[in-house]
C-alpha atoms as a PDB file:
ATOM      1  CA  MET A   1     -13.549  -2.015  17.217  1.00  0.00           C
ATOM      2  CA  TRP A   2     -12.790   0.603  14.551  1.00  0.00           C
ATOM      3  CA  THR A   3     -12.730  -0.538  10.936  1.00  0.00           C
ATOM      4  CA  ASP A   4     -11.367   1.287   7.923  1.00  0.00           C
ATOM      5  CA  ALA A   5     -14.009   1.531   5.146  1.00  0.00           C
ATOM      6  CA  ILE A   6     -11.399   1.483   2.370  1.00  0.00           C
ATOM      7  CA  VAL A   7      -9.701  -1.624   3.764  1.00  0.00           C
ATOM      8  CA  GLU A   8     -13.088  -3.353   4.050  1.00  0.00           C
ATOM      9  CA  GLU A   9     -13.963  -2.437   0.488  1.00  0.00           C
ATOM     10  CA  VAL A  10     -10.636  -3.861  -0.763  1.00  0.00           C
ATOM     11  CA  ARG A  11     -11.185  -7.090   1.152  1.00  0.00           C
ATOM     12  CA  GLU A  12     -14.714  -7.477  -0.210  1.00  0.00           C
ATOM     13  CA  MET A  13     -13.432  -6.867  -3.723  1.00  0.00           C
ATOM     14  CA  ARG A  14     -10.673  -9.523  -3.202  1.00  0.00           C
ATOM     15  CA  VAL A  15     -13.301 -12.102  -2.175  1.00  0.00           C
ATOM     16  CA  LYS A  16     -15.531 -11.159  -5.124  1.00  0.00           C
ATOM     17  CA  LEU A  17     -12.703 -11.312  -7.652  1.00  0.00           C
ATOM     18  CA  LEU A  18     -11.398 -14.589  -6.324  1.00  0.00           C
ATOM     19  CA  ALA A  19     -14.937 -16.062  -6.479  1.00  0.00           C
ATOM     20  CA  GLU A  20     -15.349 -14.775 -10.096  1.00  0.00           C
ATOM     21  CA  CYS A  21     -12.136 -16.609 -10.969  1.00  0.00           C
ATOM     22  CA  GLY A  22     -13.321 -19.853  -9.427  1.00  0.00           C
ATOM     23  CA  GLY A  23     -10.877 -19.571  -6.541  1.00  0.00           C
ATOM     24  CA  GLU A  24      -7.934 -19.979  -8.919  1.00  0.00           C
ATOM     25  CA  LEU A  25      -5.151 -17.465  -8.196  1.00  0.00           C
ATOM     26  CA  MET A  26      -3.578 -17.754 -11.624  1.00  0.00           C
ATOM     27  CA  ARG A  27      -6.891 -16.746 -13.166  1.00  0.00           C
ATOM     28  CA  VAL A  28      -6.799 -13.658 -10.955  1.00  0.00           C
ATOM     29  CA  PHE A  29      -3.330 -12.837 -12.194  1.00  0.00           C
ATOM     30  CA  ASP A  30      -4.394 -13.283 -15.811  1.00  0.00           C
ATOM     31  CA  ARG A  31      -7.408 -11.028 -15.269  1.00  0.00           C
ATOM     32  CA  VAL A  32      -5.240  -8.337 -13.789  1.00  0.00           C
ATOM     33  CA  ALA A  33      -2.817  -8.534 -16.678  1.00  0.00           C
ATOM     34  CA  ASP A  34      -5.720  -8.160 -19.074  1.00  0.00           C
ATOM     35  CA  LEU A  35      -6.988  -5.076 -17.204  1.00  0.00           C
ATOM     36  CA  GLU A  36      -3.423  -3.574 -17.323  1.00  0.00           C
ATOM     37  CA  LYS A  37      -3.430  -4.040 -21.091  1.00  0.00           C
ATOM     38  CA  GLN A  38      -6.849  -2.484 -21.435  1.00  0.00           C
ATOM     39  CA  HIS A  39      -5.904   0.528 -19.206  1.00  0.00           C
ATOM     40  CA  PRO A  40      -2.192   1.273 -19.532  1.00  0.00           C
ATOM     41  CA  GLU A  41      -2.747   4.844 -18.333  1.00  0.00           C
ATOM     42  CA  LEU A  42      -3.487   3.393 -14.846  1.00  0.00           C
ATOM     43  CA  VAL A  43      -0.205   1.443 -14.605  1.00  0.00           C
ATOM     44  CA  ILE A  44       2.911   3.111 -13.267  1.00  0.00           C
ATOM     45  CA  SER A  45       6.431   1.882 -13.603  1.00  0.00           C
ATOM     46  CA  ARG A  46       8.551   0.837 -10.605  1.00  0.00           C
ATOM     47  CA  GLU A  47      10.727   3.961 -11.100  1.00  0.00           C
ATOM     48  CA  GLN A  48       7.604   6.238 -11.057  1.00  0.00           C
ATOM     49  CA  PHE A  49       6.493   4.584  -7.845  1.00  0.00           C
ATOM     50  CA  ARG A  50       9.925   5.019  -6.238  1.00  0.00           C
ATOM     51  CA  ARG A  51       9.993   8.703  -7.121  1.00  0.00           C
ATOM     52  CA  THR A  52       6.592   9.292  -5.532  1.00  0.00           C
ATOM     53  CA  HIS A  53       7.035   6.948  -2.535  1.00  0.00           C
ATOM     54  CA  PRO A  54      10.541   7.285  -1.126  1.00  0.00           C
ATOM     55  CA  ARG A  55      11.648   4.825   1.563  1.00  0.00           C
ATOM     56  CA  ARG A  56      12.436   6.163   4.983  1.00  0.00           C
ATOM     57  CA  GLY A  57      16.098   6.959   5.437  1.00  0.00           C
ATOM     58  CA  VAL A  58      16.706   7.089   1.707  1.00  0.00           C
ATOM     59  CA  ALA A  59      17.214  10.351  -0.119  1.00  0.00           C
ATOM     60  CA  SER A  60      13.938  11.891  -1.267  1.00  0.00           C
ATOM     61  CA  ALA A  61      13.320  13.185  -4.718  1.00  0.00           C
ATOM     62  CA  ALA A  62      14.336  16.662  -3.388  1.00  0.00           C
ATOM     63  CA  GLY A  63      17.702  15.195  -2.353  1.00  0.00           C
ATOM     64  CA  LYS A  64      16.998  15.482   1.351  1.00  0.00           C
ATOM     65  CA  PRO A  65      17.038  12.343   3.520  1.00  0.00           C
ATOM     66  CA  VAL A  66      13.678  11.138   4.782  1.00  0.00           C
ATOM     67  CA  PRO A  67      13.819  10.757   8.560  1.00  0.00           C
ATOM     68  CA  SER A  68      13.073   7.357  10.043  1.00  0.00           C
ATOM     69  CA  ALA A  69      10.354   7.104  12.714  1.00  0.00           C
ATOM     70  CA  SER A  70      12.886   7.231  15.518  1.00  0.00           C
ATOM     71  CA  GLU A  71      14.708  10.241  14.037  1.00  0.00           C
ATOM     72  CA  ALA A  72      11.439  12.098  13.588  1.00  0.00           C
ATOM     73  CA  ASP A  73      10.649  11.522  17.287  1.00  0.00           C
ATOM     74  CA  THR A  74      13.245  13.989  18.623  1.00  0.00           C
ATOM     75  CA  GLU A  75      11.005  15.396  21.332  1.00  0.00           C
ATOM     76  CA  GLY A  76       9.321  12.255  22.597  1.00  0.00           C
ATOM     77  CA  LYS A  77       5.980  13.297  21.041  1.00  0.00           C
ATOM     78  CA  ARG A  78       5.272   9.923  19.492  1.00  0.00           C
ATOM     79  CA  PRO A  79       1.635   8.882  20.145  1.00  0.00           C
ATOM     80  CA  LYS A  80       1.199   6.444  22.938  1.00  0.00           C
ATOM     81  CA  PRO A  81      -0.120   2.977  22.066  1.00  0.00           C
ATOM     82  CA  VAL A  82      -3.790   2.380  22.603  1.00  0.00           C
ATOM     83  CA  ALA A  83      -4.571   0.015  25.549  1.00  0.00           C
ATOM     84  CA  GLY A  84      -5.100  -3.535  24.227  1.00  0.00           C
ATOM     85  CA  SER A  85      -3.278  -2.956  20.954  1.00  0.00           C
ATOM     86  CA  ASP A  86      -0.402  -5.044  19.694  1.00  0.00           C
ATOM     87  CA  ARG A  87       2.039  -2.090  19.860  1.00  0.00           C
END
């Protein structure tokens, strides 16, 4: 089975962070809030995120609609599901 190295790294960091906080989720949130205060340059606003990550079907920053997956598949060239996958 194929695994994504980035996803695995994020999962490992989640386990490590939770262990460092004694398994208490509120301590994790407090730690994240402290990190955001220490490094405000790494935090973006919701509006900044929306400008750079438009939702499908909603007008993009350029004013053009972003096609949905079904609209983008006008020629039937959508990749076929891999055998044994959920899709």
